[in-house]
């Protein structure tokens, strides 16, 4: 069972994802890479705000909230069933 990569903004709460690519550029890209948003890393979608923005993710035992503007540029494959 393989899953196609989707933007993190479309992942459901509770999904675990394996990052495949990051299309964010500039200073924000460097910051995200430093925080662990690196292709191959596993992240978990913790919680979405009532209006869907921002979204809380867990990466490297740290909780990070991203706006959909950024999370729509980070792609990953869903892990598990």
C-alpha atoms as a PDB file:
ATOM      1  CA  UNK A   1       0.000   0.000   0.000  1.00  0.00           C
ATOM      2  CA  UNK A   2       1.682   3.209  -1.171  1.00  0.00           C
ATOM      3  CA  UNK A   3       0.447   6.711  -0.650  1.00  0.00           C
ATOM      4  CA  UNK A   4       1.035   9.605  -2.999  1.00  0.00           C
ATOM      5  CA  UNK A   5       2.695  12.697  -1.521  1.00  0.00           C
ATOM      6  CA  UNK A   6       0.249  15.376  -0.361  1.00  0.00           C
ATOM      7  CA  UNK A   7       0.786  18.841   1.109  1.00  0.00           C
ATOM      8  CA  UNK A   8       0.872  18.814   4.910  1.00  0.00           C
ATOM      9  CA  UNK A   9      -2.019  21.300   4.877  1.00  0.00           C
ATOM     10  CA  UNK A  10      -4.243  18.486   3.531  1.00  0.00           C
ATOM     11  CA  UNK A  11      -3.151  15.819   6.034  1.00  0.00           C
ATOM     12  CA  UNK A  12      -5.681  14.817   8.663  1.00  0.00           C
ATOM     13  CA  UNK A  13      -5.256  15.241  12.402  1.00  0.00           C
ATOM     14  CA  UNK A  14      -3.398  12.252  13.842  1.00  0.00           C
ATOM     15  CA  UNK A  15      -1.714  11.346  10.533  1.00  0.00           C
ATOM     16  CA  UNK A  16       1.967  10.515  10.589  1.00  0.00           C
ATOM     17  CA  UNK A  17       3.835  11.654   7.511  1.00  0.00           C
ATOM     18  CA  UNK A  18       7.267  11.043   5.979  1.00  0.00           C
ATOM     19  CA  UNK A  19       8.440  14.302   4.412  1.00  0.00           C
ATOM     20  CA  UNK A  20       9.316  14.059   0.713  1.00  0.00           C
ATOM     21  CA  UNK A  21      10.019  17.654  -0.343  1.00  0.00           C
ATOM     22  CA  UNK A  22       9.980  21.246   0.832  1.00  0.00           C
ATOM     23  CA  UNK A  23       9.138  24.018  -1.626  1.00  0.00           C
ATOM     24  CA  UNK A  24       9.450  26.868   0.902  1.00  0.00           C
ATOM     25  CA  UNK A  25      12.216  29.335  -0.005  1.00  0.00           C
ATOM     26  CA  UNK A  26      14.394  31.921   1.685  1.00  0.00           C
ATOM     27  CA  UNK A  27      14.779  32.472   5.414  1.00  0.00           C
ATOM     28  CA  UNK A  28      11.670  30.411   6.234  1.00  0.00           C
ATOM     29  CA  UNK A  29      13.154  27.380   4.420  1.00  0.00           C
ATOM     30  CA  UNK A  30      16.334  27.603   6.514  1.00  0.00           C
ATOM     31  CA  UNK A  31      14.298  27.921   9.711  1.00  0.00           C
ATOM     32  CA  UNK A  32      12.093  24.907   8.848  1.00  0.00           C
ATOM     33  CA  UNK A  33      15.131  22.784   7.987  1.00  0.00           C
ATOM     34  CA  UNK A  34      16.729  23.742  11.317  1.00  0.00           C
ATOM     35  CA  UNK A  35      13.526  22.710  13.132  1.00  0.00           C
ATOM     36  CA  UNK A  36      13.567  19.252  11.519  1.00  0.00           C
ATOM     37  CA  UNK A  37      11.344  19.667   8.447  1.00  0.00           C
ATOM     38  CA  UNK A  38      13.856  17.699   6.384  1.00  0.00           C
ATOM     39  CA  UNK A  39      12.928  15.221   3.623  1.00  0.00           C
ATOM     40  CA  UNK A  40      12.927  11.742   5.152  1.00  0.00           C
ATOM     41  CA  UNK A  41      11.940  12.935   8.632  1.00  0.00           C
ATOM     42  CA  UNK A  42       8.688  11.754  10.204  1.00  0.00           C
ATOM     43  CA  UNK A  43       6.151  14.284  11.468  1.00  0.00           C
ATOM     44  CA  UNK A  44       2.731  13.985  13.083  1.00  0.00           C
ATOM     45  CA  UNK A  45      -0.260  16.255  12.532  1.00  0.00           C
ATOM     46  CA  UNK A  46      -1.353  17.114  16.074  1.00  0.00           C
ATOM     47  CA  UNK A  47      -4.179  19.598  15.742  1.00  0.00           C
ATOM     48  CA  UNK A  48      -5.875  21.963  13.317  1.00  0.00           C
ATOM     49  CA  UNK A  49      -7.409  25.240  14.401  1.00  0.00           C
ATOM     50  CA  UNK A  50     -11.198  25.524  14.008  1.00  0.00           C
ATOM     51  CA  UNK A  51     -10.736  27.506  10.794  1.00  0.00           C
ATOM     52  CA  UNK A  52      -7.880  25.237   9.650  1.00  0.00           C
ATOM     53  CA  UNK A  53      -5.079  27.754  10.106  1.00  0.00           C
ATOM     54  CA  UNK A  54      -2.592  27.315  11.772  1.00  0.00           C
ATOM     55  CA  UNK A  55      -1.882  23.582  12.054  1.00  0.00           C
ATOM     56  CA  UNK A  56       0.214  22.067  14.872  1.00  0.00           C
ATOM     57  CA  UNK A  57       2.829  19.460  13.941  1.00  0.00           C
ATOM     58  CA  UNK A  58       5.194  17.348  16.029  1.00  0.00           C
ATOM     59  CA  UNK A  59       8.701  16.981  14.634  1.00  0.00           C
ATOM     60  CA  UNK A  60      11.705  15.781  16.666  1.00  0.00           C
ATOM     61  CA  UNK A  61       9.618  15.854  19.898  1.00  0.00           C
ATOM     62  CA  UNK A  62       8.831  19.537  19.344  1.00  0.00           C
ATOM     63  CA  UNK A  63       5.418  21.032  18.603  1.00  0.00           C
ATOM     64  CA  UNK A  64       5.431  23.599  15.818  1.00  0.00           C
ATOM     65  CA  UNK A  65       2.463  25.529  14.404  1.00  0.00           C
ATOM     66  CA  UNK A  66       2.568  26.496  10.733  1.00  0.00           C
ATOM     67  CA  UNK A  67       0.190  28.573   8.667  1.00  0.00           C
ATOM     68  CA  UNK A  68      -1.404  26.825   5.712  1.00  0.00           C
ATOM     69  CA  UNK A  69       0.618  29.165   3.498  1.00  0.00           C
ATOM     70  CA  UNK A  70       3.773  27.293   4.592  1.00  0.00           C
ATOM     71  CA  UNK A  71       2.342  23.821   5.208  1.00  0.00           C
ATOM     72  CA  UNK A  72       0.890  23.717   1.684  1.00  0.00           C
ATOM     73  CA  UNK A  73       4.480  23.921   0.358  1.00  0.00           C
ATOM     74  CA  UNK A  74       5.728  20.948   2.413  1.00  0.00           C
ATOM     75  CA  UNK A  75       4.916  17.530   0.954  1.00  0.00           C
ATOM     76  CA  UNK A  76       4.886  14.099   2.563  1.00  0.00           C
ATOM     77  CA  UNK A  77       3.574  10.558   2.302  1.00  0.00           C
ATOM     78  CA  UNK A  78       1.162   9.258   4.904  1.00  0.00           C
ATOM     79  CA  UNK A  79       2.531   6.382   6.996  1.00  0.00           C
ATOM     80  CA  UNK A  80       0.521   3.434   8.227  1.00  0.00           C
ATOM     81  CA  UNK A  81      -3.115   2.588   7.637  1.00  0.00           C
END
